[in-house]
Amino acid sequence: MDVKEAVALARRYLQEVFAEEKIVNLGLEEVEYDDAQHLWSITLGFSRPWDNTAQGTIAAAIGAPRQREYKVVKIDDRDKRGVAIKNREPAV
């Protein structure tokens, strides 16, 4: 599969797993392919509704950016399925 298909599968897999949490602002951060293991590692960032650090303030009223979560989604290249989701700390 190519990188676009791997990213689309990772996005769909993450959205399905986190469906009840109603994640927003889902965006691609990084993509890496491991030839030896036939695995795509795709980092996606998103926000959760309760992650707004400015809740109850003027910043929240004007739509201040929300805190972001970063997850590395592993997609198996051979059978095109999601096999793992792991936390990834943002680079500082």
N, C-alpha and C. Protein backbone atom coordinates (compact mmCIF):
# COMPACT_ATOMS: atom_id res chain seq x y z
N MET A 1 0.85 -1.18 0.00
CA MET A 1 0.00 0.00 0.00
C MET A 1 0.89 1.23 0.00
N ASP A 2 0.37 2.34 -0.47
CA ASP A 2 1.16 3.57 -0.45
C ASP A 2 0.87 4.36 0.81
N VAL A 3 1.59 5.46 0.99
CA VAL A 3 1.50 6.25 2.22
C VAL A 3 0.09 6.84 2.40
N LYS A 4 -0.54 7.27 1.33
CA LYS A 4 -1.89 7.85 1.46
C LYS A 4 -2.90 6.83 1.97
N GLU A 5 -2.81 5.61 1.48
CA GLU A 5 -3.73 4.56 1.94
C GLU A 5 -3.45 4.21 3.39
N ALA A 6 -2.18 4.13 3.77
CA ALA A 6 -1.81 3.82 5.16
C ALA A 6 -2.33 4.90 6.11
N VAL A 7 -2.20 6.16 5.72
CA VAL A 7 -2.68 7.26 6.56
C VAL A 7 -4.20 7.20 6.69
N ALA A 8 -4.89 6.96 5.59
CA ALA A 8 -6.36 6.87 5.63
C ALA A 8 -6.81 5.74 6.55
N LEU A 9 -6.14 4.59 6.47
CA LEU A 9 -6.48 3.47 7.34
C LEU A 9 -6.22 3.82 8.81
N ALA A 10 -5.11 4.48 9.09
CA ALA A 10 -4.77 4.86 10.46
C ALA A 10 -5.80 5.83 11.02
N ARG A 11 -6.20 6.81 10.22
CA ARG A 11 -7.21 7.78 10.67
C ARG A 11 -8.53 7.07 11.00
N ARG A 12 -8.95 6.20 10.10
CA ARG A 12 -10.22 5.48 10.30
C ARG A 12 -10.15 4.59 11.54
N TYR A 13 -9.03 3.88 11.71
CA TYR A 13 -8.85 3.00 12.86
C TYR A 13 -8.89 3.80 14.17
N LEU A 14 -8.17 4.92 14.22
CA LEU A 14 -8.16 5.75 15.42
C LEU A 14 -9.55 6.31 15.71
N GLN A 15 -10.25 6.77 14.69
CA GLN A 15 -11.59 7.31 14.89
C GLN A 15 -12.56 6.24 15.39
N GLU A 16 -12.42 5.02 14.91
CA GLU A 16 -13.28 3.93 15.38
C GLU A 16 -13.00 3.60 16.84
N VAL A 17 -11.74 3.48 17.19
CA VAL A 17 -11.37 3.11 18.56
C VAL A 17 -11.77 4.20 19.55
N PHE A 18 -11.63 5.47 19.16
CA PHE A 18 -11.92 6.58 20.07
C PHE A 18 -13.29 7.21 19.79
N ALA A 19 -14.18 6.51 19.13
CA ALA A 19 -15.48 7.06 18.73
C ALA A 19 -16.26 7.63 19.90
N GLU A 20 -16.29 6.96 21.01
CA GLU A 20 -17.07 7.41 22.16
C GLU A 20 -16.51 8.69 22.78
N GLU A 21 -15.24 8.99 22.52
CA GLU A 21 -14.62 10.18 23.10
C GLU A 21 -14.79 11.42 22.23
N LYS A 22 -15.38 11.25 21.05
CA LYS A 22 -15.68 12.37 20.16
C LYS A 22 -14.48 13.28 19.92
N ILE A 23 -13.37 12.68 19.46
CA ILE A 23 -12.16 13.44 19.21
C ILE A 23 -12.38 14.45 18.08
N VAL A 24 -11.65 15.56 18.14
CA VAL A 24 -11.75 16.62 17.14
C VAL A 24 -10.35 17.06 16.71
N ASN A 25 -10.30 17.81 15.64
CA ASN A 25 -9.04 18.37 15.14
C ASN A 25 -8.01 17.29 14.84
N LEU A 26 -8.45 16.19 14.24
CA LEU A 26 -7.56 15.08 13.90
C LEU A 26 -6.64 15.50 12.76
N GLY A 27 -5.34 15.33 12.98
CA GLY A 27 -4.38 15.72 11.95
C GLY A 27 -3.17 14.82 11.92
N LEU A 28 -2.60 14.70 10.74
CA LEU A 28 -1.40 13.90 10.54
C LEU A 28 -0.18 14.64 11.06
N GLU A 29 0.69 13.92 11.76
CA GLU A 29 1.92 14.50 12.28
C GLU A 29 3.16 13.87 11.65
N GLU A 30 3.24 12.55 11.61
CA GLU A 30 4.43 11.85 11.09
C GLU A 30 4.04 10.51 10.48
N VAL A 31 4.87 10.06 9.54
CA VAL A 31 4.69 8.74 8.94
C VAL A 31 6.06 8.09 8.81
N GLU A 32 6.12 6.81 9.18
CA GLU A 32 7.37 6.05 9.04
C GLU A 32 7.00 4.62 8.64
N TYR A 33 7.84 4.01 7.78
CA TYR A 33 7.60 2.64 7.37
C TYR A 33 8.79 1.78 7.75
N ASP A 34 8.53 0.62 8.36
CA ASP A 34 9.56 -0.34 8.74
C ASP A 34 9.51 -1.51 7.75
N ASP A 35 10.50 -1.57 6.85
CA ASP A 35 10.55 -2.63 5.84
C ASP A 35 10.64 -4.02 6.45
N ALA A 36 11.43 -4.16 7.50
CA ALA A 36 11.66 -5.47 8.10
C ALA A 36 10.39 -6.05 8.72
N GLN A 37 9.59 -5.20 9.38
CA GLN A 37 8.38 -5.68 10.05
C GLN A 37 7.11 -5.46 9.22
N HIS A 38 7.24 -4.79 8.10
CA HIS A 38 6.09 -4.48 7.24
C HIS A 38 5.03 -3.70 8.01
N LEU A 39 5.49 -2.69 8.79
CA LEU A 39 4.58 -1.90 9.62
C LEU A 39 4.73 -0.41 9.32
N TRP A 40 3.59 0.22 9.18
CA TRP A 40 3.54 1.67 9.12
C TRP A 40 3.35 2.20 10.54
N SER A 41 4.10 3.23 10.91
CA SER A 41 3.92 3.94 12.18
C SER A 41 3.46 5.34 11.81
N ILE A 42 2.22 5.64 12.15
CA ILE A 42 1.61 6.90 11.74
C ILE A 42 1.19 7.65 12.99
N THR A 43 1.80 8.82 13.19
CA THR A 43 1.48 9.65 14.34
C THR A 43 0.37 10.61 13.96
N LEU A 44 -0.70 10.58 14.76
CA LEU A 44 -1.84 11.47 14.56
C LEU A 44 -2.05 12.29 15.82
N GLY A 45 -2.37 13.55 15.65
CA GLY A 45 -2.70 14.41 16.77
C GLY A 45 -4.17 14.74 16.75
N PHE A 46 -4.74 14.95 17.94
CA PHE A 46 -6.16 15.30 18.05
C PHE A 46 -6.43 15.95 19.39
N SER A 47 -7.63 16.47 19.53
CA SER A 47 -8.08 17.04 20.80
C SER A 47 -9.31 16.29 21.26
N ARG A 48 -9.49 16.28 22.57
CA ARG A 48 -10.72 15.73 23.15
C ARG A 48 -11.53 16.90 23.67
N PRO A 49 -12.85 16.76 23.69
CA PRO A 49 -13.68 17.88 24.14
C PRO A 49 -13.31 18.41 25.53
N TRP A 50 -12.87 17.57 26.42
CA TRP A 50 -12.56 18.02 27.78
C TRP A 50 -11.12 18.52 27.95
N ASP A 51 -10.33 18.52 26.89
CA ASP A 51 -8.93 18.96 26.98
C ASP A 51 -8.74 20.46 26.83
N ASN A 52 -9.80 21.22 26.75
CA ASN A 52 -9.66 22.66 26.61
C ASN A 52 -9.10 23.21 27.92
N THR A 53 -7.84 23.62 27.90
CA THR A 53 -7.18 24.09 29.13
C THR A 53 -7.69 25.45 29.57
N ALA A 54 -8.41 26.13 28.70
CA ALA A 54 -8.88 27.47 29.02
C ALA A 54 -10.35 27.48 29.43
N GLN A 55 -10.89 26.34 29.84
CA GLN A 55 -12.31 26.26 30.17
C GLN A 55 -12.71 27.33 31.17
N GLY A 56 -13.83 27.98 30.87
CA GLY A 56 -14.37 28.97 31.79
C GLY A 56 -13.67 30.31 31.73
N THR A 57 -12.79 30.51 30.79
CA THR A 57 -12.07 31.78 30.69
C THR A 57 -12.43 32.48 29.39
N ILE A 58 -11.96 33.68 29.25
CA ILE A 58 -12.17 34.43 28.02
C ILE A 58 -11.53 33.70 26.85
N ALA A 59 -10.38 33.08 27.08
CA ALA A 59 -9.71 32.34 26.01
C ALA A 59 -10.60 31.24 25.45
N ALA A 60 -11.35 30.57 26.32
CA ALA A 60 -12.26 29.52 25.86
C ALA A 60 -13.37 30.11 25.01
N ALA A 61 -13.85 31.29 25.41
CA ALA A 61 -14.94 31.94 24.69
C ALA A 61 -14.53 32.35 23.28
N ILE A 62 -13.26 32.68 23.09
CA ILE A 62 -12.82 33.10 21.75
C ILE A 62 -12.21 31.94 20.97
N GLY A 63 -12.31 30.74 21.50
CA GLY A 63 -11.85 29.57 20.76
C GLY A 63 -10.36 29.32 20.82
N ALA A 64 -9.77 29.50 21.97
CA ALA A 64 -8.33 29.24 22.14
C ALA A 64 -8.02 27.79 21.79
N PRO A 65 -6.81 27.54 21.30
CA PRO A 65 -6.46 26.17 20.92
C PRO A 65 -6.60 25.19 22.08
N ARG A 66 -6.98 24.01 21.73
CA ARG A 66 -7.11 22.96 22.74
C ARG A 66 -5.80 22.21 22.89
N GLN A 67 -5.66 21.59 24.03
CA GLN A 67 -4.53 20.70 24.28
C GLN A 67 -4.60 19.56 23.26
N ARG A 68 -3.44 19.04 22.84
CA ARG A 68 -3.44 17.96 21.84
C ARG A 68 -2.89 16.68 22.42
N GLU A 69 -3.44 15.59 21.94
CA GLU A 69 -2.95 14.24 22.24
C GLU A 69 -2.25 13.75 20.98
N TYR A 70 -1.25 12.91 21.16
CA TYR A 70 -0.54 12.33 20.02
C TYR A 70 -0.51 10.82 20.19
N LYS A 71 -0.92 10.12 19.15
CA LYS A 71 -0.94 8.66 19.17
C LYS A 71 -0.20 8.14 17.94
N VAL A 72 0.56 7.06 18.15
CA VAL A 72 1.21 6.37 17.05
C VAL A 72 0.35 5.15 16.72
N VAL A 73 -0.17 5.13 15.52
CA VAL A 73 -1.01 4.04 15.06
C VAL A 73 -0.15 3.13 14.18
N LYS A 74 -0.15 1.85 14.49
CA LYS A 74 0.61 0.87 13.71
C LYS A 74 -0.36 0.16 12.77
N ILE A 75 -0.01 0.17 11.47
CA ILE A 75 -0.81 -0.48 10.45
C ILE A 75 0.05 -1.55 9.78
N ASP A 76 -0.45 -2.78 9.74
CA ASP A 76 0.25 -3.89 9.10
C ASP A 76 0.09 -3.76 7.58
N ASP A 77 1.20 -3.65 6.89
CA ASP A 77 1.18 -3.45 5.44
C ASP A 77 0.66 -4.68 4.69
N ARG A 78 0.83 -5.86 5.27
CA ARG A 78 0.44 -7.09 4.57
C ARG A 78 -1.06 -7.30 4.53
N ASP A 79 -1.75 -7.03 5.65
CA ASP A 79 -3.20 -7.27 5.65
C ASP A 79 -4.03 -6.00 5.88
N LYS A 80 -3.35 -4.86 5.89
CA LYS A 80 -4.02 -3.55 5.96
C LYS A 80 -4.93 -3.40 7.17
N ARG A 81 -4.45 -3.85 8.32
CA ARG A 81 -5.26 -3.71 9.53
C ARG A 81 -4.47 -2.98 10.61
N GLY A 82 -5.21 -2.29 11.47
CA GLY A 82 -4.59 -1.64 12.62
C GLY A 82 -4.20 -2.67 13.65
N VAL A 83 -2.97 -2.58 14.16
CA VAL A 83 -2.51 -3.57 15.12
C VAL A 83 -2.15 -2.96 16.48
N ALA A 84 -1.99 -1.62 16.54
CA ALA A 84 -1.64 -1.01 17.83
C ALA A 84 -1.88 0.49 17.78
N ILE A 85 -2.14 1.03 18.97
CA ILE A 85 -2.20 2.48 19.18
C ILE A 85 -1.42 2.75 20.46
N LYS A 86 -0.41 3.62 20.35
CA LYS A 86 0.43 3.92 21.52
C LYS A 86 0.50 5.43 21.72
N ASN A 87 0.71 5.84 22.96
CA ASN A 87 0.91 7.25 23.27
C ASN A 87 2.23 7.74 22.72
N ARG A 88 2.26 8.98 22.30
CA ARG A 88 3.50 9.61 21.89
C ARG A 88 3.52 10.99 22.50
N GLU A 89 4.57 11.28 23.23
CA GLU A 89 4.72 12.59 23.84
C GLU A 89 5.16 13.58 22.77
N PRO A 90 4.59 14.79 22.76
CA PRO A 90 4.99 15.78 21.76
C PRO A 90 6.43 16.22 21.98
N ALA A 91 7.11 16.51 20.88
CA ALA A 91 8.48 17.04 20.97
C ALA A 91 8.41 18.45 21.53
N VAL A 92 9.32 18.77 22.40
CA VAL A 92 9.29 20.10 23.02
C VAL A 92 10.34 20.98 22.39
